Amino acid sequence: MPARRVAETRRAAVLGSPIAHSLSPVLHRAAYAELGLDGWSYDRFEVDEAQLPSFVGELGGEWAGLSLTMPLKRAIMPLLDEVSETAASVEAVNTVVFTEDGRRLGDNTDIPGMLSALRERGVEKVESAAILGAGATASSALAALARICTGQVTAYVRSEARAVEMRTWGERLGVDVRTADWADAREAFGAPLVIATTPAGTTDALAAEVPDAVGTLFDVLYEPWPTALAASWSARGGAVVGGLDLLVHQAVLQVEQMTNRSPGPLAAMRAAGELGLTSMRRRS
């Protein structure tokens, strides 16, 4: 049955810097079309930390919500009336919902988005896990693992400062974290779940080290895709969860919160994301 058409005028957008290549508009607009929200629009705005307070302060009552990407996920927090427990646990907000009475509510859909992407591939519990990297995404990965990993998580990092950060996050999130040097990252492949959180190209050198009979790799990148590591992992028979899976699942949760419609149209948003990536690659 076609969605009931709704002509109410509402706005949402993704903010960040840089933002030009964000796929969020493609995903959210596809959701609005599927849900029959004819009066809804979703845009992207180049906004840095210094510009954020004035941008948010000037938004009118037609605004339903915002998606936040780097470097704004922490900078937005002082501007909010309430922050969810999930977002507070990693000190990062990627979703803001504006209520009818003008309150600003912050949440983090990256963490449940990771869990949904893994669940879709049959990963609901693991006895141990490994994380490649130690940035902001790694802390979200730890928060997700706090809910599904029953044993130790090993984080492979490049410096002692990063190692300290990951152990601190582990203590805060209730995860048993062991840190190891990046030079030994190939040892991660023995874990039933490996989450790669590093920038493009960082794990390429590890691709040749992937053994047969591997577990599940969750590589948070979606461009370029597949990464060398993901391609090697798949070729050796392992299951792969990609960055587009994460992007779509967290966006579905954002749509549900901003529109108050559930469930979000996962299939339509994934199809739109795949088309968007294809177009992006043709332009590059």
C-alpha atoms as a PDB file:
ATOM      1  CA  MET A   1       0.000   0.000   0.000  1.00  0.00           C
ATOM      2  CA  PRO A   2       1.453   3.427  -0.950  1.00  0.00           C
ATOM      3  CA  ALA A   3       2.401   5.721   1.926  1.00  0.00           C
ATOM      4  CA  ARG A   4      -0.155   8.373   2.829  1.00  0.00           C
ATOM      5  CA  ARG A   5       1.026  11.697   1.399  1.00  0.00           C
ATOM      6  CA  VAL A   6       1.842  14.374   3.986  1.00  0.00           C
ATOM      7  CA  ALA A   7       2.436  17.942   2.776  1.00  0.00           C
ATOM      8  CA  GLU A   8       3.524  19.432   6.113  1.00  0.00           C
ATOM      9  CA  THR A   9       6.628  21.616   5.636  1.00  0.00           C
ATOM     10  CA  ARG A  10       9.534  20.395   7.755  1.00  0.00           C
ATOM     11  CA  ARG A  11      13.289  20.723   7.395  1.00  0.00           C
ATOM     12  CA  ALA A  12      16.330  18.692   8.383  1.00  0.00           C
ATOM     13  CA  ALA A  13      19.987  18.729   7.363  1.00  0.00           C
ATOM     14  CA  VAL A  14      23.451  17.340   7.940  1.00  0.00           C
ATOM     15  CA  LEU A  15      26.151  19.691   9.253  1.00  0.00           C
ATOM     16  CA  GLY A  16      29.911  19.253   9.201  1.00  0.00           C
ATOM     17  CA  SER A  17      33.185  20.279   7.621  1.00  0.00           C
ATOM     18  CA  PRO A  18      33.951  19.017   5.033  1.00  0.00           C
ATOM     19  CA  ILE A  19      30.442  18.000   4.024  1.00  0.00           C
ATOM     20  CA  ALA A  20      30.265  18.119   0.216  1.00  0.00           C
ATOM     21  CA  HIS A  21      30.463  14.339  -0.244  1.00  0.00           C
ATOM     22  CA  SER A  22      27.999  13.354   2.475  1.00  0.00           C
ATOM     23  CA  LEU A  23      25.471  10.719   1.413  1.00  0.00           C
ATOM     24  CA  SER A  24      23.043  11.706   4.179  1.00  0.00           C
ATOM     25  CA  PRO A  25      20.841  13.860   1.887  1.00  0.00           C
ATOM     26  CA  VAL A  26      20.453  10.946  -0.526  1.00  0.00           C
ATOM     27  CA  LEU A  27      19.401   8.601   2.263  1.00  0.00           C
ATOM     28  CA  HIS A  28      17.028  10.934   4.079  1.00  0.00           C
ATOM     29  CA  ARG A  29      15.329  12.195   0.919  1.00  0.00           C
ATOM     30  CA  ALA A  30      14.741   8.600  -0.159  1.00  0.00           C
ATOM     31  CA  ALA A  31      13.120   7.949   3.217  1.00  0.00           C
ATOM     32  CA  TYR A  32      10.845  10.978   2.897  1.00  0.00           C
ATOM     33  CA  ALA A  33       9.742   9.849  -0.559  1.00  0.00           C
ATOM     34  CA  GLU A  34       9.026   6.329   0.690  1.00  0.00           C
ATOM     35  CA  LEU A  35       7.124   7.637   3.710  1.00  0.00           C
ATOM     36  CA  GLY A  36       5.057  10.096   1.651  1.00  0.00           C
ATOM     37  CA  LEU A  37       6.479  13.168   3.403  1.00  0.00           C
ATOM     38  CA  ASP A  38       6.105  15.535   0.446  1.00  0.00           C
ATOM     39  CA  GLY A  39       6.749  18.694   2.447  1.00  0.00           C
ATOM     40  CA  TRP A  40       9.965  17.508   4.042  1.00  0.00           C
ATOM     41  CA  SER A  41      13.415  18.596   2.840  1.00  0.00           C
ATOM     42  CA  TYR A  42      16.921  17.557   3.819  1.00  0.00           C
ATOM     43  CA  ASP A  43      20.025  19.590   2.954  1.00  0.00           C
ATOM     44  CA  ARG A  44      23.716  19.767   3.772  1.00  0.00           C
ATOM     45  CA  PHE A  45      25.551  22.760   5.242  1.00  0.00           C
ATOM     46  CA  GLU A  46      29.257  23.401   5.631  1.00  0.00           C
ATOM     47  CA  VAL A  47      29.503  24.379   9.302  1.00  0.00           C
ATOM     48  CA  ASP A  48      32.566  24.312  11.544  1.00  0.00           C
ATOM     49  CA  GLU A  49      32.780  24.469  15.334  1.00  0.00           C
ATOM     50  CA  ALA A  50      32.974  28.268  15.456  1.00  0.00           C
ATOM     51  CA  GLN A  51      29.892  28.671  13.254  1.00  0.00           C
ATOM     52  CA  LEU A  52      27.776  26.026  14.990  1.00  0.00           C
ATOM     53  CA  PRO A  53      26.230  28.086  17.851  1.00  0.00           C
ATOM     54  CA  SER A  54      24.949  30.841  15.544  1.00  0.00           C
ATOM     55  CA  PHE A  55      23.686  28.334  12.959  1.00  0.00           C
ATOM     56  CA  VAL A  56      21.681  26.375  15.516  1.00  0.00           C
ATOM     57  CA  GLY A  57      20.459  29.526  17.244  1.00  0.00           C
ATOM     58  CA  GLU A  58      18.926  30.868  14.045  1.00  0.00           C
ATOM     59  CA  LEU A  59      16.885  27.756  13.185  1.00  0.00           C
ATOM     60  CA  GLY A  60      13.125  28.279  13.069  1.00  0.00           C
ATOM     61  CA  GLY A  61      10.168  26.170  14.132  1.00  0.00           C
ATOM     62  CA  GLU A  62      10.021  24.344  10.805  1.00  0.00           C
ATOM     63  CA  TRP A  63      13.161  22.396  11.711  1.00  0.00           C
ATOM     64  CA  ALA A  64      12.685  18.765  12.731  1.00  0.00           C
ATOM     65  CA  GLY A  65      16.284  17.714  13.268  1.00  0.00           C
ATOM     66  CA  LEU A  66      19.965  17.711  12.400  1.00  0.00           C
ATOM     67  CA  SER A  67      22.570  15.098  11.585  1.00  0.00           C
ATOM     68  CA  LEU A  68      26.064  15.936  12.826  1.00  0.00           C
ATOM     69  CA  THR A  69      29.344  14.715  11.416  1.00  0.00           C
ATOM     70  CA  MET A  70      32.925  15.680  12.219  1.00  0.00           C
ATOM     71  CA  PRO A  71      34.007  17.965  13.784  1.00  0.00           C
ATOM     72  CA  LEU A  72      30.664  18.768  15.425  1.00  0.00           C
ATOM     73  CA  LYS A  73      29.680  15.631  17.335  1.00  0.00           C
ATOM     74  CA  ARG A  74      31.108  16.928  20.601  1.00  0.00           C
ATOM     75  CA  ALA A  75      30.771  20.653  19.891  1.00  0.00           C
ATOM     76  CA  ILE A  76      26.978  20.360  19.657  1.00  0.00           C
ATOM     77  CA  MET A  77      26.566  18.993  23.178  1.00  0.00           C
ATOM     78  CA  PRO A  78      26.648  22.285  25.152  1.00  0.00           C
ATOM     79  CA  LEU A  79      23.917  23.644  22.856  1.00  0.00           C
ATOM     80  CA  LEU A  80      21.421  20.903  23.758  1.00  0.00           C
ATOM     81  CA  ASP A  81      18.741  20.659  26.423  1.00  0.00           C
ATOM     82  CA  GLU A  82      19.122  16.915  26.856  1.00  0.00           C
ATOM     83  CA  VAL A  83      21.604  14.240  25.766  1.00  0.00           C
ATOM     84  CA  SER A  84      20.755  10.547  25.699  1.00  0.00           C
ATOM     85  CA  GLU A  85      22.664   8.060  27.822  1.00  0.00           C
ATOM     86  CA  THR A  86      24.024   6.454  24.646  1.00  0.00           C
ATOM     87  CA  ALA A  87      25.458   9.740  23.358  1.00  0.00           C
ATOM     88  CA  ALA A  88      26.802  10.743  26.759  1.00  0.00           C
ATOM     89  CA  SER A  89      28.626   7.425  27.086  1.00  0.00           C
ATOM     90  CA  VAL A  90      30.939   8.342  24.184  1.00  0.00           C
ATOM     91  CA  GLU A  91      30.638  12.142  24.413  1.00  0.00           C
ATOM     92  CA  ALA A  92      29.398  12.307  20.834  1.00  0.00           C
ATOM     93  CA  VAL A  93      26.032  13.385  19.395  1.00  0.00           C
ATOM     94  CA  ASN A  94      25.264  12.704  15.747  1.00  0.00           C
ATOM     95  CA  THR A  95      21.504  13.331  15.914  1.00  0.00           C
ATOM     96  CA  VAL A  96      19.508  16.311  17.180  1.00  0.00           C
ATOM     97  CA  VAL A  97      15.716  16.290  17.318  1.00  0.00           C
ATOM     98  CA  PHE A  98      13.731  19.498  17.872  1.00  0.00           C
ATOM     99  CA  THR A  99      10.577  19.000  19.916  1.00  0.00           C
ATOM    100  CA  GLU A 100       7.321  20.905  19.442  1.00  0.00           C
ATOM    101  CA  ASP A 101       8.082  22.987  22.543  1.00  0.00           C
ATOM    102  CA  GLY A 102      11.485  24.001  21.149  1.00  0.00           C
ATOM    103  CA  ARG A 103      13.762  21.685  23.116  1.00  0.00           C
ATOM    104  CA  ARG A 104      16.890  20.228  21.527  1.00  0.00           C
ATOM    105  CA  LEU A 105      17.451  16.539  22.187  1.00  0.00           C
ATOM    106  CA  GLY A 106      20.764  14.885  21.327  1.00  0.00           C
ATOM    107  CA  ASP A 107      21.368  11.211  20.594  1.00  0.00           C
ATOM    108  CA  ASN A 108      23.951   8.921  19.002  1.00  0.00           C
ATOM    109  CA  THR A 109      22.618   6.522  16.358  1.00  0.00           C
ATOM    110  CA  ASP A 110      26.072   5.300  15.326  1.00  0.00           C
ATOM    111  CA  ILE A 111      26.187   2.843  18.218  1.00  0.00           C
ATOM    112  CA  PRO A 112      22.786   1.171  17.701  1.00  0.00           C
ATOM    113  CA  GLY A 113      23.427   1.491  13.952  1.00  0.00           C
ATOM    114  CA  MET A 114      26.549  -0.648  14.323  1.00  0.00           C
ATOM    115  CA  LEU A 115      24.596  -3.215  16.301  1.00  0.00           C
ATOM    116  CA  SER A 116      21.790  -3.316  13.730  1.00  0.00           C
ATOM    117  CA  ALA A 117      24.275  -3.729  10.868  1.00  0.00           C
ATOM    118  CA  LEU A 118      25.960  -6.611  12.678  1.00  0.00           C
ATOM    119  CA  ARG A 119      22.650  -8.203  13.631  1.00  0.00           C
ATOM    120  CA  GLU A 120      21.572  -8.094   9.994  1.00  0.00           C
ATOM    121  CA  ARG A 121      24.584 -10.313   9.206  1.00  0.00           C
ATOM    122  CA  GLY A 122      23.864 -12.695  12.054  1.00  0.00           C
ATOM    123  CA  VAL A 123      26.334 -11.297  14.599  1.00  0.00           C
ATOM    124  CA  GLU A 124      24.545 -10.887  17.928  1.00  0.00           C
ATOM    125  CA  LYS A 125      27.095 -12.127  20.485  1.00  0.00           C
ATOM    126  CA  VAL A 126      30.865 -12.670  20.334  1.00  0.00           C
ATOM    127  CA  GLU A 127      33.302 -14.038  22.892  1.00  0.00           C
ATOM    128  CA  SER A 128      36.048 -11.580  21.935  1.00  0.00           C
ATOM    129  CA  ALA A 129      36.748  -8.841  19.392  1.00  0.00           C
ATOM    130  CA  ALA A 130      39.471  -6.650  17.940  1.00  0.00           C
ATOM    131  CA  ILE A 131      39.444  -2.981  16.951  1.00  0.00           C
ATOM    132  CA  LEU A 132      41.855  -1.506  14.419  1.00  0.00           C
ATOM    133  CA  GLY A 133      42.403   2.150  15.306  1.00  0.00           C
ATOM    134  CA  ALA A 134      41.645   4.428  18.235  1.00  0.00           C
ATOM    135  CA  GLY A 135      39.759   7.483  17.000  1.00  0.00           C
ATOM    136  CA  ALA A 136      36.201   8.684  17.605  1.00  0.00           C
ATOM    137  CA  THR A 137      34.685   5.772  15.686  1.00  0.00           C
ATOM    138  CA  ALA A 138      36.679   3.341  17.795  1.00  0.00           C
ATOM    139  CA  SER A 139      35.009   4.643  20.958  1.00  0.00           C
ATOM    140  CA  SER A 140      31.597   4.083  19.351  1.00  0.00           C
ATOM    141  CA  ALA A 141      32.722   0.574  18.399  1.00  0.00           C
ATOM    142  CA  LEU A 142      33.675  -0.065  22.030  1.00  0.00           C
ATOM    143  CA  ALA A 143      30.255   1.140  23.158  1.00  0.00           C
ATOM    144  CA  ALA A 144      28.615  -1.259  20.713  1.00  0.00           C
ATOM    145  CA  LEU A 145      30.856  -4.120  21.836  1.00  0.00           C
ATOM    146  CA  ALA A 146      29.905  -3.417  25.443  1.00  0.00           C
ATOM    147  CA  ARG A 147      26.483  -4.811  24.514  1.00  0.00           C
ATOM    148  CA  ILE A 148      27.497  -7.899  22.543  1.00  0.00           C
ATOM    149  CA  CYS A 149      31.039  -8.939  23.519  1.00  0.00           C
ATOM    150  CA  THR A 150      31.298 -11.230  26.528  1.00  0.00           C
ATOM    151  CA  GLY A 151      35.092 -11.227  26.713  1.00  0.00           C
ATOM    152  CA  GLN A 152      38.164  -9.140  25.963  1.00  0.00           C
ATOM    153  CA  VAL A 153      38.511  -6.534  23.235  1.00  0.00           C
ATOM    154  CA  THR A 154      41.979  -5.917  21.821  1.00  0.00           C
ATOM    155  CA  ALA A 155      42.649  -2.501  20.299  1.00  0.00           C
ATOM    156  CA  TYR A 156      45.572  -2.136  17.886  1.00  0.00           C
ATOM    157  CA  VAL A 157      46.981   1.399  18.055  1.00  0.00           C
ATOM    158  CA  ARG A 158      49.979   3.415  16.906  1.00  0.00           C
ATOM    159  CA  SER A 159      50.968   5.239  20.107  1.00  0.00           C
ATOM    160  CA  GLU A 160      50.900   4.871  23.870  1.00  0.00           C
ATOM    161  CA  ALA A 161      48.706   7.976  24.097  1.00  0.00           C
ATOM    162  CA  ARG A 162      46.088   6.268  21.949  1.00  0.00           C
ATOM    163  CA  ALA A 163      46.463   3.102  23.992  1.00  0.00           C
ATOM    164  CA  VAL A 164      45.743   5.032  27.180  1.00  0.00           C
ATOM    165  CA  GLU A 165      42.674   6.591  25.544  1.00  0.00           C
ATOM    166  CA  MET A 166      41.270   3.217  24.535  1.00  0.00           C
ATOM    167  CA  ARG A 167      41.864   1.676  27.960  1.00  0.00           C
ATOM    168  CA  THR A 168      40.179   4.697  29.544  1.00  0.00           C
ATOM    169  CA  TRP A 169      37.185   4.336  27.228  1.00  0.00           C
ATOM    170  CA  GLY A 170      37.055   0.662  28.085  1.00  0.00           C
ATOM    171  CA  GLU A 171      36.914   1.389  31.818  1.00  0.00           C
ATOM    172  CA  ARG A 172      34.223   3.983  31.251  1.00  0.00           C
ATOM    173  CA  LEU A 173      32.099   1.693  29.063  1.00  0.00           C
ATOM    174  CA  GLY A 174      32.631  -1.453  31.088  1.00  0.00           C
ATOM    175  CA  VAL A 175      34.674  -3.261  28.429  1.00  0.00           C
ATOM    176  CA  ASP A 176      37.790  -5.316  29.147  1.00  0.00           C
ATOM    177  CA  VAL A 177      40.226  -3.612  26.771  1.00  0.00           C
ATOM    178  CA  ARG A 178      43.744  -4.798  26.020  1.00  0.00           C
ATOM    179  CA  THR A 179      45.904  -2.624  23.779  1.00  0.00           C
ATOM    180  CA  ALA A 180      48.550  -3.811  21.339  1.00  0.00           C
ATOM    181  CA  ASP A 181      50.957  -2.169  18.931  1.00  0.00           C
ATOM    182  CA  TRP A 182      49.815  -1.546  15.355  1.00  0.00           C
ATOM    183  CA  ALA A 183      52.824  -3.527  14.125  1.00  0.00           C
ATOM    184  CA  ASP A 184      51.085  -6.641  15.472  1.00  0.00           C
ATOM    185  CA  ALA A 185      47.709  -5.857  13.898  1.00  0.00           C
ATOM    186  CA  ARG A 186      47.708  -9.085  11.865  1.00  0.00           C
ATOM    187  CA  GLU A 187      47.085 -10.889  15.168  1.00  0.00           C
ATOM    188  CA  ALA A 188      43.618  -9.268  15.214  1.00  0.00           C
ATOM    189  CA  PHE A 189      42.463 -11.653  12.506  1.00  0.00           C
ATOM    190  CA  GLY A 190      42.134 -14.464  15.012  1.00  0.00           C
ATOM    191  CA  ALA A 191      39.187 -12.717  16.681  1.00  0.00           C
ATOM    192  CA  PRO A 192      35.608 -13.686  15.728  1.00  0.00           C
ATOM    193  CA  LEU A 193      34.845 -10.002  15.079  1.00  0.00           C
ATOM    194  CA  VAL A 194      37.251  -7.348  13.794  1.00  0.00           C
ATOM    195  CA  ILE A 195      36.152  -3.722  13.521  1.00  0.00           C
ATOM    196  CA  ALA A 196      38.342  -1.525  11.314  1.00  0.00           C
ATOM    197  CA  THR A 197      37.884   2.157  12.203  1.00  0.00           C
ATOM    198  CA  THR A 198      40.884   3.698  10.430  1.00  0.00           C
ATOM    199  CA  PRO A 199      41.024   6.153   7.483  1.00  0.00           C
ATOM    200  CA  ALA A 200      41.184   4.986   3.866  1.00  0.00           C
ATOM    201  CA  GLY A 201      44.375   3.151   2.976  1.00  0.00           C
ATOM    202  CA  THR A 202      45.505   2.524   6.555  1.00  0.00           C
ATOM    203  CA  THR A 203      44.740  -1.195   6.541  1.00  0.00           C
ATOM    204  CA  ASP A 204      45.729  -1.927   2.930  1.00  0.00           C
ATOM    205  CA  ALA A 205      49.050  -3.437   3.935  1.00  0.00           C
ATOM    206  CA  LEU A 206      47.220  -5.937   6.136  1.00  0.00           C
ATOM    207  CA  ALA A 207      45.161  -7.367   3.273  1.00  0.00           C
ATOM    208  CA  ALA A 208      47.775  -9.954   2.359  1.00  0.00           C
ATOM    209  CA  GLU A 209      47.878 -11.181   5.975  1.00  0.00           C
ATOM    210  CA  VAL A 210      44.240 -12.322   6.148  1.00  0.00           C
ATOM    211  CA  PRO A 211      44.068 -16.089   6.796  1.00  0.00           C
ATOM    212  CA  ASP A 212      41.453 -18.556   5.658  1.00  0.00           C
ATOM    213  CA  ALA A 213      38.503 -19.403   7.946  1.00  0.00           C
ATOM    214  CA  VAL A 214      38.232 -15.869   9.298  1.00  0.00           C
ATOM    215  CA  GLY A 215      35.300 -14.484  11.287  1.00  0.00           C
ATOM    216  CA  THR A 216      33.459 -11.244  10.573  1.00  0.00           C
ATOM    217  CA  LEU A 217      35.074  -7.985   9.472  1.00  0.00           C
ATOM    218  CA  PHE A 218      33.233  -4.702  10.030  1.00  0.00           C
ATOM    219  CA  ASP A 219      35.042  -2.044   7.978  1.00  0.00           C
ATOM    220  CA  VAL A 220      33.434   1.336   8.658  1.00  0.00           C
ATOM    221  CA  LEU A 221      34.571   2.854   5.345  1.00  0.00           C
ATOM    222  CA  TYR A 222      32.174   3.086   2.412  1.00  0.00           C
ATOM    223  CA  GLU A 223      34.390   4.909  -0.078  1.00  0.00           C
ATOM    224  CA  PRO A 224      36.563   3.532  -1.531  1.00  0.00           C
ATOM    225  CA  TRP A 225      34.763   0.184  -1.438  1.00  0.00           C
ATOM    226  CA  PRO A 226      35.621  -2.522  -1.121  1.00  0.00           C
ATOM    227  CA  THR A 227      38.762  -1.674   0.776  1.00  0.00           C
ATOM    228  CA  ALA A 228      41.734  -3.918   0.099  1.00  0.00           C
ATOM    229  CA  LEU A 229      41.183  -5.509   3.499  1.00  0.00           C
ATOM    230  CA  ALA A 230      37.460  -6.115   2.897  1.00  0.00           C
ATOM    231  CA  ALA A 231      38.125  -7.619  -0.536  1.00  0.00           C
ATOM    232  CA  SER A 232      40.778  -9.964   0.837  1.00  0.00           C
ATOM    233  CA  TRP A 233      38.572 -10.923   3.771  1.00  0.00           C
ATOM    234  CA  SER A 234      35.657 -11.787   1.505  1.00  0.00           C
ATOM    235  CA  ALA A 235      37.906 -13.735  -0.898  1.00  0.00           C
ATOM    236  CA  ARG A 236      39.044 -15.924   1.993  1.00  0.00           C
ATOM    237  CA  GLY A 237      35.492 -16.779   2.974  1.00  0.00           C
ATOM    238  CA  GLY A 238      34.897 -14.323   5.787  1.00  0.00           C
ATOM    239  CA  ALA A 239      31.734 -12.273   6.333  1.00  0.00           C
ATOM    240  CA  VAL A 240      32.046  -8.529   5.705  1.00  0.00           C
ATOM    241  CA  VAL A 241      29.943  -5.655   7.019  1.00  0.00           C
ATOM    242  CA  GLY A 242      30.675  -2.347   5.293  1.00  0.00           C
ATOM    243  CA  GLY A 243      30.481   1.342   5.997  1.00  0.00           C
ATOM    244  CA  LEU A 244      27.385   1.745   3.855  1.00  0.00           C
ATOM    245  CA  ASP A 245      25.616  -0.765   6.119  1.00  0.00           C
ATOM    246  CA  LEU A 246      26.500   1.409   9.112  1.00  0.00           C
ATOM    247  CA  LEU A 247      25.568   4.632   7.341  1.00  0.00           C
ATOM    248  CA  VAL A 248      22.157   3.322   6.322  1.00  0.00           C
ATOM    249  CA  HIS A 249      21.275   1.748   9.654  1.00  0.00           C
ATOM    250  CA  GLN A 250      22.190   4.845  11.660  1.00  0.00           C
ATOM    251  CA  ALA A 251      20.305   7.031   9.165  1.00  0.00           C
ATOM    252  CA  VAL A 252      17.201   4.854   9.496  1.00  0.00           C
ATOM    253  CA  LEU A 253      17.239   5.528  13.236  1.00  0.00           C
ATOM    254  CA  GLN A 254      17.651   9.263  12.597  1.00  0.00           C
ATOM    255  CA  VAL A 255      14.664   9.271  10.253  1.00  0.00           C
ATOM    256  CA  GLU A 256      12.550   7.438  12.808  1.00  0.00           C
ATOM    257  CA  GLN A 257      13.403   9.980  15.502  1.00  0.00           C
ATOM    258  CA  MET A 258      12.973  13.077  13.354  1.00  0.00           C
ATOM    259  CA  THR A 259       9.748  12.014  11.614  1.00  0.00           C
ATOM    260  CA  ASN A 260       8.239   9.922  14.418  1.00  0.00           C
ATOM    261  CA  ARG A 261       7.626   7.182  11.827  1.00  0.00           C
ATOM    262  CA  SER A 262       8.690   3.619  12.495  1.00  0.00           C
ATOM    263  CA  PRO A 263      10.038   1.430  11.058  1.00  0.00           C
ATOM    264  CA  GLY A 264      12.236   3.500   8.786  1.00  0.00           C
ATOM    265  CA  PRO A 265      12.413   2.386   5.130  1.00  0.00           C
ATOM    266  CA  LEU A 266      15.692   0.470   5.284  1.00  0.00           C
ATOM    267  CA  ALA A 267      15.518  -1.108   1.811  1.00  0.00           C
ATOM    268  CA  ALA A 268      14.699   2.153   0.030  1.00  0.00           C
ATOM    269  CA  MET A 269      17.469   4.001   1.856  1.00  0.00           C
ATOM    270  CA  ARG A 270      20.045   1.305   1.110  1.00  0.00           C
ATOM    271  CA  ALA A 271      19.127   1.315  -2.586  1.00  0.00           C
ATOM    272  CA  ALA A 272      19.435   5.106  -2.665  1.00  0.00           C
ATOM    273  CA  GLY A 273      22.804   4.924  -0.925  1.00  0.00           C
ATOM    274  CA  GLU A 274      24.144   2.404  -3.427  1.00  0.00           C
ATOM    275  CA  LEU A 275      23.017   4.615  -6.318  1.00  0.00           C
ATOM    276  CA  GLY A 276      24.524   7.654  -4.632  1.00  0.00           C
ATOM    277  CA  LEU A 277      27.869   5.921  -4.260  1.00  0.00           C
ATOM    278  CA  THR A 278      27.813   4.864  -7.910  1.00  0.00           C
ATOM    279  CA  SER A 279      27.184   8.458  -8.977  1.00  0.00           C
ATOM    280  CA  MET A 280      29.931   9.715  -6.684  1.00  0.00           C
ATOM    281  CA  ARG A 281      32.431   7.303  -8.222  1.00  0.00           C
ATOM    282  CA  ARG A 282      31.494   8.311 -11.752  1.00  0.00           C
ATOM    283  CA  ARG A 283      32.112  11.977 -10.922  1.00  0.00           C
ATOM    284  CA  SER A 284      35.503  11.310  -9.331  1.00  0.00           C
END
